[in-house]
Amino acid sequence: MIESEIINYKANPDVSCRVEGDDDVILYNPDIDDFILVNSSALLIWKFIEEPRSIDEICALMIESYDDPPERDVVLQDIQTFLDGLGENYLIKVDS
């Protein structure tokens, strides 16, 4: 039996996070002098990855945060898309 590789995502500790208004969040990476603007749902994911977590752990935490959660597959896909974007901007660290 082959064990599948578990990937853990962790917020880059050099990246700053600033909340602007009710629903806008700025993630700034000083290493590349760039930022991205995200929403409050993305902020939850950002907080969840302050500690290394697998995508399944992040998904479970997101589903728990909703009063009426969408289907797990939808949540999982949205999280993967967001994490991929963070990786492209060097905002997260990935360990396997």
Protein backbone atom coordinates (compact mmCIF):
# COMPACT_ATOMS: atom_id res chain seq x y z
CA MET A 1 0.00 0.00 0.00
CA ILE A 2 1.35 3.43 -0.98
CA GLU A 3 0.67 6.31 1.36
CA SER A 4 -0.54 9.42 -0.41
CA GLU A 5 1.52 12.53 0.12
CA ILE A 6 -0.08 15.10 2.41
CA ILE A 7 0.66 18.70 1.58
CA ASN A 8 0.57 21.26 4.39
CA TYR A 9 0.04 24.94 3.71
CA LYS A 10 1.37 27.68 5.98
CA ALA A 11 1.15 31.45 5.74
CA ASN A 12 4.46 33.08 4.87
CA PRO A 13 5.44 34.79 8.15
CA ASP A 14 6.95 37.73 6.23
CA VAL A 15 3.58 38.61 4.72
CA SER A 16 1.53 41.27 6.47
CA CYS A 17 -2.24 41.13 6.67
CA ARG A 18 -4.31 44.28 7.03
CA VAL A 19 -8.11 44.52 7.18
CA GLU A 20 -9.58 47.47 5.28
CA GLY A 21 -13.23 48.19 5.93
CA ASP A 22 -15.80 45.45 6.39
CA ASP A 23 -14.81 43.03 3.65
CA ASP A 24 -11.41 43.90 2.17
CA VAL A 25 -8.12 42.43 3.31
CA ILE A 26 -4.67 43.27 1.97
CA LEU A 27 -1.94 40.63 2.02
CA TYR A 28 1.43 42.28 1.36
CA ASN A 29 4.64 40.43 0.58
CA PRO A 30 7.66 42.70 1.14
CA ASP A 31 10.01 40.16 -0.47
CA ILE A 32 8.51 40.88 -3.89
CA ASP A 33 6.98 44.28 -3.02
CA ASP A 34 3.51 43.18 -4.09
CA PHE A 35 0.08 42.71 -2.55
CA ILE A 36 -3.23 41.05 -3.24
CA LEU A 37 -6.67 42.12 -2.13
CA VAL A 38 -8.87 39.35 -0.72
CA ASN A 39 -12.27 39.10 0.96
CA SER A 40 -13.33 38.07 4.46
CA SER A 41 -13.69 34.38 3.51
CA ALA A 42 -10.10 34.39 2.31
CA LEU A 43 -9.10 36.03 5.59
CA LEU A 44 -10.51 32.99 7.41
CA ILE A 45 -8.34 30.69 5.31
CA TRP A 46 -5.35 32.95 6.01
CA LYS A 47 -5.97 32.66 9.75
CA PHE A 48 -6.36 28.89 9.47
CA ILE A 49 -2.94 28.56 7.84
CA GLU A 50 -1.08 30.47 10.52
CA GLU A 51 -0.25 26.90 11.54
CA PRO A 52 0.57 24.26 8.89
CA ARG A 53 -2.62 22.54 7.73
CA SER A 54 -3.66 20.18 4.98
CA ILE A 55 -6.33 21.21 2.51
CA ASP A 56 -8.73 18.73 4.14
CA GLU A 57 -8.19 20.38 7.53
CA ILE A 58 -8.72 23.84 6.04
CA CYS A 59 -11.88 22.63 4.28
CA ALA A 60 -13.29 21.17 7.51
CA LEU A 61 -12.64 24.43 9.36
CA MET A 62 -14.27 26.48 6.60
CA ILE A 63 -17.36 24.27 6.57
CA GLU A 64 -17.63 24.64 10.36
CA SER A 65 -17.57 28.44 9.96
CA TYR A 66 -20.72 28.54 7.80
CA ASP A 67 -24.27 28.55 9.15
CA ASP A 68 -25.45 26.89 5.94
CA PRO A 69 -22.33 25.45 4.30
CA PRO A 70 -22.09 24.76 0.59
CA GLU A 71 -21.21 21.27 -0.60
CA ARG A 72 -17.77 20.08 0.48
CA ASP A 73 -16.54 19.74 -3.12
CA VAL A 74 -17.38 23.38 -3.82
CA VAL A 75 -15.58 24.55 -0.67
CA LEU A 76 -12.59 22.34 -1.45
CA GLN A 77 -12.30 23.67 -5.01
CA ASP A 78 -12.54 27.30 -3.86
CA ILE A 79 -9.85 26.73 -1.22
CA GLN A 80 -7.53 25.03 -3.73
CA THR A 81 -7.95 27.91 -6.18
CA PHE A 82 -7.21 30.45 -3.44
CA LEU A 83 -4.16 28.54 -2.18
CA ASP A 84 -2.83 28.21 -5.73
CA GLY A 85 -3.09 32.00 -6.09
CA LEU A 86 -1.28 32.54 -2.81
CA GLY A 87 1.48 30.22 -3.94
CA GLU A 88 1.93 32.16 -7.18
CA ASN A 89 2.46 35.31 -5.10
CA TYR A 90 4.83 33.64 -2.61
CA LEU A 91 2.36 34.28 0.20
CA ILE A 92 2.39 30.74 1.53
CA LYS A 93 4.87 27.97 2.23
CA VAL A 94 4.08 24.41 1.14
CA ASP A 95 5.51 21.36 2.90
CA SER A 96 4.95 17.72 2.10
